[in-house]
Amino acid sequence: MTTHLEITTIYALLDGELEPLAERSAEGHLLRCAECRAVREECGAVLASLRWYAAAPPPPPVGYWSRFWERFADRVSRTPERPAAVRRPRPAWRETAMAAAAVLALLLGTWWGGLPRDEVAPRVSAPASIPARMAVADTGWESDVEFFERATVAVGSVDPLTKGLALAALVESP
């Protein structure tokens, strides 16, 4: 089984960039291997199309530019005419509506500013804290407060976690 030529070697051969010894070796392989010859044909077609796209366009025929300027000289040399100003009419209702809205806003602001304001209630200090038993004396929660106090005393602390557990028990109890 013969090894095939690498594609880079085939492109280098087509571009004439191989050393003479490597070029003779590649040409000898191409004589024996039909697959590599097919790849060389495809690579040659790709290179030909790339060279065609990269080629500079042919120069225009003699006298092309002089005829071109003869056709367009009168258009280019003339001074351009100034276009007439086109005034777009504004709808009259828009200006009237804007003026009416401004007057309405002014009147509403004046009316609103002239309204009497309610007196602000004077600030009073909060009452001194009272024991929890007194706060819930008439609410029917006395038993819950007693349960909370017993739970915190039984655990031996009033840390937030313990309070949370006691409060959760209060919520869950019927």
Protein backbone atom coordinates (compact mmCIF):
# COMPACT_ATOMS: atom_id res chain seq x y z
CA MET A 1 0.00 0.00 0.00
CA THR A 2 1.41 3.35 -1.00
CA THR A 3 1.02 6.49 1.03
CA HIS A 4 -0.69 9.39 -0.64
CA LEU A 5 0.68 12.89 -1.03
CA GLU A 6 -0.40 15.49 1.48
CA ILE A 7 -2.58 18.27 0.15
CA THR A 8 0.02 20.88 1.14
CA THR A 9 2.59 19.04 -0.96
CA ILE A 10 0.22 19.03 -3.94
CA TYR A 11 -0.40 22.79 -3.63
CA ALA A 12 3.34 23.43 -3.25
CA LEU A 13 3.94 21.35 -6.41
CA LEU A 14 1.33 23.34 -8.34
CA ASP A 15 2.84 26.64 -7.14
CA GLY A 16 6.38 25.48 -8.01
CA GLU A 17 7.60 25.81 -4.43
CA LEU A 18 9.05 22.29 -3.99
CA GLU A 19 12.75 21.47 -4.02
CA PRO A 20 13.83 19.66 -7.20
CA LEU A 21 14.25 16.30 -5.45
CA ALA A 22 10.84 16.54 -3.70
CA GLU A 23 9.26 17.68 -6.97
CA ARG A 24 10.60 14.64 -8.86
CA SER A 25 9.41 12.34 -6.07
CA ALA A 26 5.91 13.88 -6.11
CA GLU A 27 5.71 13.69 -9.92
CA GLY A 28 6.75 10.02 -9.77
CA HIS A 29 4.04 9.31 -7.20
CA LEU A 30 1.44 11.09 -9.33
CA LEU A 31 2.34 8.84 -12.29
CA ARG A 32 1.53 5.75 -10.20
CA CYS A 33 -1.43 7.00 -8.05
CA ALA A 34 -4.78 7.82 -9.68
CA GLU A 35 -6.27 9.19 -6.42
CA CYS A 36 -3.51 11.75 -5.99
CA ARG A 37 -3.83 12.75 -9.68
CA ALA A 38 -7.55 13.41 -9.11
CA VAL A 39 -6.74 15.52 -6.03
CA ARG A 40 -4.11 17.43 -8.06
CA GLU A 41 -6.72 18.19 -10.74
CA GLU A 42 -9.17 19.52 -8.12
CA CYS A 43 -6.47 21.62 -6.46
CA GLY A 44 -5.43 22.95 -9.87
CA ALA A 45 -9.03 23.99 -10.58
CA VAL A 46 -9.25 25.76 -7.21
CA LEU A 47 -6.00 27.63 -7.85
CA ALA A 48 -7.13 28.61 -11.35
CA SER A 49 -10.40 30.06 -10.05
CA LEU A 50 -8.57 31.93 -7.28
CA ARG A 51 -6.13 33.39 -9.80
CA TRP A 52 -9.03 34.41 -12.05
CA TYR A 53 -10.74 36.28 -9.19
CA ALA A 54 -7.48 37.91 -8.13
CA ALA A 55 -6.62 39.09 -11.64
CA ALA A 56 -6.94 42.81 -12.36
CA PRO A 57 -9.75 43.78 -14.71
CA PRO A 58 -8.69 44.51 -18.27
CA PRO A 59 -8.15 48.17 -19.11
CA PRO A 60 -11.00 49.95 -20.92
CA PRO A 61 -10.72 50.44 -24.68
CA VAL A 62 -8.82 53.40 -26.02
CA GLY A 63 -10.87 56.60 -25.91
CA TYR A 64 -13.37 55.28 -23.36
CA TRP A 65 -12.73 57.99 -20.78
CA SER A 66 -12.81 60.82 -23.32
CA ARG A 67 -16.21 59.67 -24.60
CA PHE A 68 -17.35 59.22 -21.01
CA TRP A 69 -16.51 62.83 -20.17
CA GLU A 70 -18.11 64.07 -23.38
CA ARG A 71 -21.36 62.43 -22.35
CA PHE A 72 -21.36 63.80 -18.81
CA ALA A 73 -19.42 67.07 -19.11
CA ASP A 74 -22.49 69.27 -19.50
CA ARG A 75 -24.10 67.76 -16.39
CA VAL A 76 -20.96 68.12 -14.28
CA SER A 77 -19.91 71.61 -15.37
CA ARG A 78 -23.30 73.25 -14.82
CA THR A 79 -23.93 74.87 -11.50
CA PRO A 80 -26.66 73.03 -9.74
CA GLU A 81 -29.99 74.70 -9.38
CA ARG A 82 -31.03 75.39 -5.87
CA PRO A 83 -34.09 73.36 -5.02
CA ALA A 84 -37.12 75.27 -3.89
CA ALA A 85 -37.74 75.15 -0.18
CA VAL A 86 -40.65 72.94 0.61
CA ARG A 87 -42.55 74.04 3.65
CA ARG A 88 -44.62 71.39 5.23
CA PRO A 89 -47.77 72.75 6.75
CA ARG A 90 -48.15 72.05 10.44
CA PRO A 91 -51.54 71.01 11.63
CA ALA A 92 -53.12 73.91 13.49
CA TRP A 93 -54.82 71.64 15.98
CA ARG A 94 -51.45 70.47 17.36
CA GLU A 95 -50.38 73.97 18.38
CA THR A 96 -53.81 74.68 19.84
CA ALA A 97 -53.78 71.43 21.82
CA MET A 98 -50.31 72.16 23.23
CA ALA A 99 -51.37 75.65 24.34
CA ALA A 100 -54.56 74.32 25.95
CA ALA A 101 -52.59 71.63 27.81
CA ALA A 102 -50.15 74.23 29.15
CA VAL A 103 -52.98 76.50 30.36
CA LEU A 104 -54.76 73.55 31.98
CA ALA A 105 -51.59 72.47 33.80
CA LEU A 106 -51.06 76.02 35.06
CA LEU A 107 -54.65 76.28 36.32
CA LEU A 108 -54.53 72.88 38.04
CA GLY A 109 -51.25 73.74 39.74
CA THR A 110 -52.64 77.03 41.01
CA TRP A 111 -55.82 75.39 42.28
CA TRP A 112 -53.95 72.52 43.94
CA GLY A 113 -51.49 74.89 45.60
CA GLY A 114 -54.32 76.99 47.05
CA LEU A 115 -56.12 74.11 48.77
CA PRO A 116 -56.03 74.18 52.59
CA ARG A 117 -53.80 71.52 54.06
CA ASP A 118 -54.73 69.28 56.96
CA GLU A 119 -52.93 69.89 60.19
CA VAL A 120 -50.24 67.37 60.92
CA ALA A 121 -50.83 65.49 64.14
CA PRO A 122 -48.30 66.45 66.80
CA ARG A 123 -45.74 63.84 67.62
CA VAL A 124 -46.04 62.16 70.96
CA SER A 125 -43.61 59.84 72.61
CA ALA A 126 -44.40 56.17 72.82
CA PRO A 127 -45.78 54.93 76.12
CA ALA A 128 -43.39 53.20 78.44
CA SER A 129 -43.22 49.50 77.85
CA ILE A 130 -45.50 47.43 79.98
CA PRO A 131 -45.14 43.80 80.93
CA ALA A 132 -46.45 41.29 78.42
CA ARG A 133 -49.04 39.98 80.92
CA MET A 134 -50.67 43.38 81.16
CA ALA A 135 -50.59 43.92 77.39
CA VAL A 136 -52.54 40.75 76.73
CA ALA A 137 -54.71 40.76 79.84
CA ASP A 138 -58.01 41.25 78.04
CA THR A 139 -57.17 39.54 74.77
CA GLY A 140 -57.55 35.92 75.70
CA TRP A 141 -53.88 35.22 75.09
CA GLU A 142 -52.93 34.83 78.72
CA SER A 143 -52.43 31.10 78.42
CA ASP A 144 -50.18 31.55 75.39
CA VAL A 145 -48.02 34.07 77.20
CA GLU A 146 -47.76 31.73 80.18
CA PHE A 147 -46.77 28.89 77.82
CA PHE A 148 -44.11 31.09 76.23
CA GLU A 149 -42.71 32.11 79.61
CA ARG A 150 -42.64 28.50 80.82
CA ALA A 151 -40.97 27.32 77.61
CA THR A 152 -38.23 29.93 77.80
CA VAL A 153 -37.64 29.31 81.51
CA ALA A 154 -37.58 25.53 80.99
CA VAL A 155 -34.94 25.80 78.31
CA GLY A 156 -33.03 28.22 80.47
CA SER A 157 -32.49 30.99 77.96
CA VAL A 158 -34.29 33.54 75.88
CA ASP A 159 -32.05 33.37 72.82
CA PRO A 160 -33.69 34.01 69.44
CA LEU A 161 -33.66 30.36 68.42
CA THR A 162 -35.48 29.29 71.55
CA LYS A 163 -37.97 32.12 71.16
CA GLY A 164 -38.55 31.01 67.62
CA LEU A 165 -39.25 27.45 68.71
CA ALA A 166 -41.63 28.62 71.41
CA LEU A 167 -43.41 30.94 68.99
CA ALA A 168 -43.69 28.13 66.46
CA ALA A 169 -45.28 25.96 69.13
CA LEU A 170 -47.73 28.78 69.87
CA VAL A 171 -48.70 29.06 66.23
CA GLU A 172 -49.19 25.32 65.86
CA SER A 173 -51.24 24.89 69.02
CA PRO A 174 -55.02 24.99 68.49
